[in-house]
Amino acid sequence: MTTEKDLCVFYLHGFKSSPASTKAQFIGQSLQALGCAYECPALDISPLVALDQIETLLDERLAQGLRPRLIGSSLGGFYATWIMEQHPHRQQMRAALLNPACWPSRDLASQVGQHKAWHSQELLAFRQAYLQDLKAMEVGLTDPQRYLVVAAQGDELLDWREMVARYPGAQHLVIPGSDHGLSDFESHWPMVRDFLLKA
């Protein structure tokens, strides 16, 4: 029987975000109170480097006997989907996707160039080549019931209807209003938590 102590929850943040985000901090504190292991890597702006970071941490936790659970926000939701479909131990995983980026090779095409990180003064260089990397990471779904998709109708950056259509057969939580950052996330956390922590 799965318990919180058998699991490690990974929070994968979005484009230009970081472990300092409000959601990342809240989730970490909530899981700590449950005695559940938590990882929130500071993901590189390069998609291939970011995937390598995620997989390295995943494999470390798997080697410790923990079963991974993924929370992916925006671009982090896209990365979580790739892991869920490609990782050798994917059958042990479940993923909650928060306003996931479905087609970032299209949606980030206008973002090529330098950006300031959301939570620091760091400058991030998003390169044209990264769009091809993202395109190559688009995958189909093999086991949609292992996904929970949280889609806010008020998302100002991404279309919630695309999120629902991208994950047919998944569990969907469509939120009236709200925003891309899910500023009301705390009220939806119990459903996300229960989905992730069940066997």
C-alpha atoms as a PDB file:
ATOM      1  CA  MET A   1       0.000   0.000   0.000  1.00  0.00           C
ATOM      2  CA  THR A   2       1.334   3.416  -0.967  1.00  0.00           C
ATOM      3  CA  THR A   3       1.961   5.965   1.776  1.00  0.00           C
ATOM      4  CA  GLU A   4       3.276   9.509   1.594  1.00  0.00           C
ATOM      5  CA  LYS A   5       6.659   8.216   2.768  1.00  0.00           C
ATOM      6  CA  ASP A   6       6.940   5.965  -0.313  1.00  0.00           C
ATOM      7  CA  LEU A   7       6.578   8.916  -2.681  1.00  0.00           C
ATOM      8  CA  CYS A   8       8.535  11.899  -3.906  1.00  0.00           C
ATOM      9  CA  VAL A   9       6.651  14.752  -5.528  1.00  0.00           C
ATOM     10  CA  PHE A  10       8.494  16.741  -8.189  1.00  0.00           C
ATOM     11  CA  TYR A  11       7.310  20.251  -8.995  1.00  0.00           C
ATOM     12  CA  LEU A  12       8.382  21.365 -12.482  1.00  0.00           C
ATOM     13  CA  HIS A  13       8.023  25.121 -12.836  1.00  0.00           C
ATOM     14  CA  GLY A  14       7.172  27.082 -15.933  1.00  0.00           C
ATOM     15  CA  PHE A  15       9.031  29.339 -18.372  1.00  0.00           C
ATOM     16  CA  LYS A  16      11.149  31.961 -16.540  1.00  0.00           C
ATOM     17  CA  SER A  17       9.831  30.756 -13.171  1.00  0.00           C
ATOM     18  CA  SER A  18      11.754  29.088 -10.337  1.00  0.00           C
ATOM     19  CA  PRO A  19      11.494  27.208  -7.024  1.00  0.00           C
ATOM     20  CA  ALA A  20      10.752  30.610  -5.449  1.00  0.00           C
ATOM     21  CA  SER A  21       7.291  30.757  -7.043  1.00  0.00           C
ATOM     22  CA  THR A  22       4.272  30.973  -4.758  1.00  0.00           C
ATOM     23  CA  LYS A  23       2.922  27.585  -5.890  1.00  0.00           C
ATOM     24  CA  ALA A  24       6.269  25.852  -5.487  1.00  0.00           C
ATOM     25  CA  GLN A  25       6.683  27.203  -1.966  1.00  0.00           C
ATOM     26  CA  PHE A  26       3.131  26.336  -0.945  1.00  0.00           C
ATOM     27  CA  ILE A  27       3.331  22.792  -2.325  1.00  0.00           C
ATOM     28  CA  GLY A  28       6.689  22.193  -0.659  1.00  0.00           C
ATOM     29  CA  GLN A  29       5.409  23.323   2.723  1.00  0.00           C
ATOM     30  CA  SER A  30       2.226  21.275   2.404  1.00  0.00           C
ATOM     31  CA  LEU A  31       4.113  18.102   1.507  1.00  0.00           C
ATOM     32  CA  GLN A  32       6.665  18.640   4.257  1.00  0.00           C
ATOM     33  CA  ALA A  33       3.801  18.687   6.753  1.00  0.00           C
ATOM     34  CA  LEU A  34       2.704  15.283   5.388  1.00  0.00           C
ATOM     35  CA  GLY A  35       6.225  13.834   5.623  1.00  0.00           C
ATOM     36  CA  CYS A  36       6.384  13.456   1.832  1.00  0.00           C
ATOM     37  CA  ALA A  37       9.660  13.971  -0.050  1.00  0.00           C
ATOM     38  CA  TYR A  38       9.678  16.956  -2.414  1.00  0.00           C
ATOM     39  CA  GLU A  39      11.945  18.156  -5.205  1.00  0.00           C
ATOM     40  CA  CYS A  40      11.713  21.421  -7.112  1.00  0.00           C
ATOM     41  CA  PRO A  41      14.735  21.770  -9.389  1.00  0.00           C
ATOM     42  CA  ALA A  42      15.646  25.174 -10.796  1.00  0.00           C
ATOM     43  CA  LEU A  43      15.179  24.227 -14.437  1.00  0.00           C
ATOM     44  CA  ASP A  44      17.523  25.544 -17.085  1.00  0.00           C
ATOM     45  CA  ILE A  45      16.120  27.642 -19.943  1.00  0.00           C
ATOM     46  CA  SER A  46      17.406  24.979 -22.365  1.00  0.00           C
ATOM     47  CA  PRO A  47      14.789  22.226 -22.756  1.00  0.00           C
ATOM     48  CA  LEU A  48      17.386  19.477 -23.148  1.00  0.00           C
ATOM     49  CA  VAL A  49      19.341  20.607 -20.084  1.00  0.00           C
ATOM     50  CA  ALA A  50      16.089  20.902 -18.109  1.00  0.00           C
ATOM     51  CA  LEU A  51      15.095  17.337 -19.033  1.00  0.00           C
ATOM     52  CA  ASP A  52      18.515  16.084 -17.999  1.00  0.00           C
ATOM     53  CA  GLN A  53      18.134  17.838 -14.628  1.00  0.00           C
ATOM     54  CA  ILE A  54      14.705  16.265 -14.091  1.00  0.00           C
ATOM     55  CA  GLU A  55      15.767  12.780 -15.106  1.00  0.00           C
ATOM     56  CA  THR A  56      18.880  12.865 -12.925  1.00  0.00           C
ATOM     57  CA  LEU A  57      16.809  13.731  -9.853  1.00  0.00           C
ATOM     58  CA  LEU A  58      14.118  11.196 -10.752  1.00  0.00           C
ATOM     59  CA  ASP A  59      16.656   8.418 -11.084  1.00  0.00           C
ATOM     60  CA  GLU A  60      18.251   9.330  -7.748  1.00  0.00           C
ATOM     61  CA  ARG A  61      14.898   9.118  -5.989  1.00  0.00           C
ATOM     62  CA  LEU A  62      13.948   5.896  -7.787  1.00  0.00           C
ATOM     63  CA  ALA A  63      17.250   4.372  -6.630  1.00  0.00           C
ATOM     64  CA  GLN A  64      16.207   5.247  -3.067  1.00  0.00           C
ATOM     65  CA  GLY A  65      13.011   3.226  -3.537  1.00  0.00           C
ATOM     66  CA  LEU A  66      10.673   6.210  -3.873  1.00  0.00           C
ATOM     67  CA  ARG A  67       7.909   6.424  -6.456  1.00  0.00           C
ATOM     68  CA  PRO A  68       7.771   9.744  -8.316  1.00  0.00           C
ATOM     69  CA  ARG A  69       4.753  11.976  -8.655  1.00  0.00           C
ATOM     70  CA  LEU A  70       4.925  14.988 -10.971  1.00  0.00           C
ATOM     71  CA  ILE A  71       3.330  18.414 -10.836  1.00  0.00           C
ATOM     72  CA  GLY A  72       4.022  20.430 -13.956  1.00  0.00           C
ATOM     73  CA  SER A  73       3.042  24.075 -14.310  1.00  0.00           C
ATOM     74  CA  SER A  74       2.804  25.582 -17.801  1.00  0.00           C
ATOM     75  CA  LEU A  75       6.042  24.567 -19.611  1.00  0.00           C
ATOM     76  CA  GLY A  76       6.719  22.264 -16.671  1.00  0.00           C
ATOM     77  CA  GLY A  77       3.507  20.448 -17.623  1.00  0.00           C
ATOM     78  CA  PHE A  78       4.943  19.818 -21.080  1.00  0.00           C
ATOM     79  CA  TYR A  79       8.126  18.417 -19.537  1.00  0.00           C
ATOM     80  CA  ALA A  80       6.094  16.264 -17.145  1.00  0.00           C
ATOM     81  CA  THR A  81       4.199  14.815 -20.107  1.00  0.00           C
ATOM     82  CA  TRP A  82       7.439  13.844 -21.842  1.00  0.00           C
ATOM     83  CA  ILE A  83       8.675  12.126 -18.663  1.00  0.00           C
ATOM     84  CA  MET A  84       5.334  10.359 -18.203  1.00  0.00           C
ATOM     85  CA  GLU A  85       5.519   8.920 -21.724  1.00  0.00           C
ATOM     86  CA  GLN A  86       9.246   8.277 -22.145  1.00  0.00           C
ATOM     87  CA  HIS A  87      10.805   7.365 -18.798  1.00  0.00           C
ATOM     88  CA  PRO A  88      11.526   3.619 -18.270  1.00  0.00           C
ATOM     89  CA  HIS A  89       9.707   3.714 -14.903  1.00  0.00           C
ATOM     90  CA  ARG A  90       6.755   5.782 -16.124  1.00  0.00           C
ATOM     91  CA  GLN A  91       4.200   3.193 -14.985  1.00  0.00           C
ATOM     92  CA  GLN A  92       5.083   4.091 -11.381  1.00  0.00           C
ATOM     93  CA  MET A  93       4.225   7.748 -11.961  1.00  0.00           C
ATOM     94  CA  ARG A  94       1.199  10.039 -11.948  1.00  0.00           C
ATOM     95  CA  ALA A  95       1.125  13.675 -13.033  1.00  0.00           C
ATOM     96  CA  ALA A  96      -0.959  16.737 -12.232  1.00  0.00           C
ATOM     97  CA  LEU A  97      -0.612  19.380 -14.931  1.00  0.00           C
ATOM     98  CA  LEU A  98      -1.442  22.990 -14.042  1.00  0.00           C
ATOM     99  CA  ASN A  99      -2.372  25.072 -17.094  1.00  0.00           C
ATOM    100  CA  PRO A 100       0.039  22.946 -19.133  1.00  0.00           C
ATOM    101  CA  ALA A 101       1.754  24.279 -22.232  1.00  0.00           C
ATOM    102  CA  CYS A 102       0.582  21.916 -24.970  1.00  0.00           C
ATOM    103  CA  TRP A 103       2.504  23.201 -27.980  1.00  0.00           C
ATOM    104  CA  PRO A 104       5.398  25.335 -26.674  1.00  0.00           C
ATOM    105  CA  SER A 105       7.364  25.140 -29.924  1.00  0.00           C
ATOM    106  CA  ARG A 106       4.544  27.280 -31.349  1.00  0.00           C
ATOM    107  CA  ASP A 107       3.679  29.399 -28.327  1.00  0.00           C
ATOM    108  CA  LEU A 108       7.256  30.333 -27.375  1.00  0.00           C
ATOM    109  CA  ALA A 109       8.321  31.264 -30.918  1.00  0.00           C
ATOM    110  CA  SER A 110       7.802  34.936 -30.031  1.00  0.00           C
ATOM    111  CA  GLN A 111       9.982  34.582 -26.918  1.00  0.00           C
ATOM    112  CA  VAL A 112      13.341  34.005 -28.628  1.00  0.00           C
ATOM    113  CA  GLY A 113      15.803  36.439 -27.051  1.00  0.00           C
ATOM    114  CA  GLN A 114      16.822  37.552 -23.573  1.00  0.00           C
ATOM    115  CA  HIS A 115      14.465  37.622 -20.607  1.00  0.00           C
ATOM    116  CA  LYS A 116      14.750  38.502 -16.942  1.00  0.00           C
ATOM    117  CA  ALA A 117      13.816  35.634 -14.646  1.00  0.00           C
ATOM    118  CA  TRP A 118      10.611  36.148 -12.652  1.00  0.00           C
ATOM    119  CA  HIS A 119      12.151  35.755  -9.213  1.00  0.00           C
ATOM    120  CA  SER A 120      15.706  37.042  -9.651  1.00  0.00           C
ATOM    121  CA  GLN A 121      17.832  39.419 -11.689  1.00  0.00           C
ATOM    122  CA  GLU A 122      19.196  36.536 -13.788  1.00  0.00           C
ATOM    123  CA  LEU A 123      19.061  37.027 -17.548  1.00  0.00           C
ATOM    124  CA  LEU A 124      17.856  34.017 -19.521  1.00  0.00           C
ATOM    125  CA  ALA A 125      18.720  33.557 -23.202  1.00  0.00           C
ATOM    126  CA  PHE A 126      16.000  31.612 -25.011  1.00  0.00           C
ATOM    127  CA  ARG A 127      17.477  30.463 -28.328  1.00  0.00           C
ATOM    128  CA  GLN A 128      15.847  29.653 -31.663  1.00  0.00           C
ATOM    129  CA  ALA A 129      17.250  26.117 -31.483  1.00  0.00           C
ATOM    130  CA  TYR A 130      15.202  25.467 -28.348  1.00  0.00           C
ATOM    131  CA  LEU A 131      12.008  25.607 -30.423  1.00  0.00           C
ATOM    132  CA  GLN A 132      13.200  22.605 -32.452  1.00  0.00           C
ATOM    133  CA  ASP A 133      14.089  20.796 -29.222  1.00  0.00           C
ATOM    134  CA  LEU A 134      10.566  21.408 -27.910  1.00  0.00           C
ATOM    135  CA  LYS A 135       9.011  20.257 -31.188  1.00  0.00           C
ATOM    136  CA  ALA A 136      10.933  16.982 -30.934  1.00  0.00           C
ATOM    137  CA  MET A 137       9.570  16.463 -27.409  1.00  0.00           C
ATOM    138  CA  GLU A 138       5.901  16.361 -28.467  1.00  0.00           C
ATOM    139  CA  VAL A 139       4.560  12.899 -27.603  1.00  0.00           C
ATOM    140  CA  GLY A 140       1.291  11.023 -27.702  1.00  0.00           C
ATOM    141  CA  LEU A 141      -0.514   9.741 -24.604  1.00  0.00           C
ATOM    142  CA  THR A 142      -0.496   6.051 -23.731  1.00  0.00           C
ATOM    143  CA  ASP A 143      -2.191   6.004 -20.321  1.00  0.00           C
ATOM    144  CA  PRO A 144      -4.275   9.166 -19.880  1.00  0.00           C
ATOM    145  CA  GLN A 145      -5.904   8.102 -16.606  1.00  0.00           C
ATOM    146  CA  ARG A 146      -2.528   8.739 -14.924  1.00  0.00           C
ATOM    147  CA  TYR A 147      -2.979  12.475 -15.595  1.00  0.00           C
ATOM    148  CA  LEU A 148      -4.957  15.201 -13.881  1.00  0.00           C
ATOM    149  CA  VAL A 149      -5.247  18.384 -15.953  1.00  0.00           C
ATOM    150  CA  VAL A 150      -6.100  21.618 -14.139  1.00  0.00           C
ATOM    151  CA  ALA A 151      -7.215  24.163 -16.740  1.00  0.00           C
ATOM    152  CA  ALA A 152      -8.252  27.721 -15.882  1.00  0.00           C
ATOM    153  CA  GLN A 153     -10.749  29.297 -18.247  1.00  0.00           C
ATOM    154  CA  GLY A 154      -9.295  32.679 -17.294  1.00  0.00           C
ATOM    155  CA  ASP A 155      -5.735  31.758 -18.374  1.00  0.00           C
ATOM    156  CA  GLU A 156      -4.464  34.881 -20.152  1.00  0.00           C
ATOM    157  CA  LEU A 157      -1.576  33.085 -21.924  1.00  0.00           C
ATOM    158  CA  LEU A 158      -2.820  29.635 -22.940  1.00  0.00           C
ATOM    159  CA  ASP A 159      -6.198  28.322 -24.147  1.00  0.00           C
ATOM    160  CA  TRP A 160      -7.839  26.007 -21.619  1.00  0.00           C
ATOM    161  CA  ARG A 161      -9.744  24.273 -24.427  1.00  0.00           C
ATOM    162  CA  GLU A 162      -6.464  23.165 -25.989  1.00  0.00           C
ATOM    163  CA  MET A 163      -5.400  21.721 -22.627  1.00  0.00           C
ATOM    164  CA  VAL A 164      -8.569  19.639 -22.344  1.00  0.00           C
ATOM    165  CA  ALA A 165      -8.323  18.500 -25.976  1.00  0.00           C
ATOM    166  CA  ARG A 166      -4.641  17.591 -25.630  1.00  0.00           C
ATOM    167  CA  TYR A 167      -5.353  15.163 -22.770  1.00  0.00           C
ATOM    168  CA  PRO A 168      -8.469  13.174 -23.754  1.00  0.00           C
ATOM    169  CA  GLY A 169      -9.300  10.505 -21.195  1.00  0.00           C
ATOM    170  CA  ALA A 170      -7.442  12.313 -18.409  1.00  0.00           C
ATOM    171  CA  GLN A 171      -9.150  13.637 -15.312  1.00  0.00           C
ATOM    172  CA  HIS A 172      -9.995  17.302 -15.954  1.00  0.00           C
ATOM    173  CA  LEU A 173     -10.521  20.074 -13.423  1.00  0.00           C
ATOM    174  CA  VAL A 174     -11.747  23.061 -15.405  1.00  0.00           C
ATOM    175  CA  ILE A 175     -11.752  26.197 -13.279  1.00  0.00           C
ATOM    176  CA  PRO A 176     -14.054  29.111 -14.145  1.00  0.00           C
ATOM    177  CA  GLY A 177     -12.030  32.310 -14.150  1.00  0.00           C
ATOM    178  CA  SER A 178      -8.664  32.229 -12.349  1.00  0.00           C
ATOM    179  CA  ASP A 179      -5.479  32.987 -14.342  1.00  0.00           C
ATOM    180  CA  HIS A 180      -2.354  31.425 -15.835  1.00  0.00           C
ATOM    181  CA  GLY A 181      -0.524  31.423 -12.506  1.00  0.00           C
ATOM    182  CA  LEU A 182      -3.529  29.870 -10.713  1.00  0.00           C
ATOM    183  CA  SER A 183      -3.527  32.515  -8.010  1.00  0.00           C
ATOM    184  CA  ASP A 184      -6.346  30.547  -6.325  1.00  0.00           C
ATOM    185  CA  PHE A 185      -4.302  27.334  -6.334  1.00  0.00           C
ATOM    186  CA  GLU A 186      -4.610  26.721  -2.591  1.00  0.00           C
ATOM    187  CA  SER A 187      -8.331  26.044  -2.958  1.00  0.00           C
ATOM    188  CA  HIS A 188      -7.622  23.379  -5.618  1.00  0.00           C
ATOM    189  CA  TRP A 189      -4.652  21.792  -3.846  1.00  0.00           C
ATOM    190  CA  PRO A 190      -6.669  19.139  -1.941  1.00  0.00           C
ATOM    191  CA  MET A 191      -7.867  17.581  -5.218  1.00  0.00           C
ATOM    192  CA  VAL A 192      -4.373  17.719  -6.729  1.00  0.00           C
ATOM    193  CA  ARG A 193      -2.825  16.267  -3.570  1.00  0.00           C
ATOM    194  CA  ASP A 194      -5.318  13.422  -3.338  1.00  0.00           C
ATOM    195  CA  PHE A 195      -4.822  12.503  -6.992  1.00  0.00           C
ATOM    196  CA  LEU A 196      -1.044  12.400  -6.620  1.00  0.00           C
ATOM    197  CA  LEU A 197      -0.853  10.560  -3.319  1.00  0.00           C
ATOM    198  CA  LYS A 198      -3.262   7.731  -4.057  1.00  0.00           C
ATOM    199  CA  ALA A 199      -1.809   4.384  -5.150  1.00  0.00           C
END
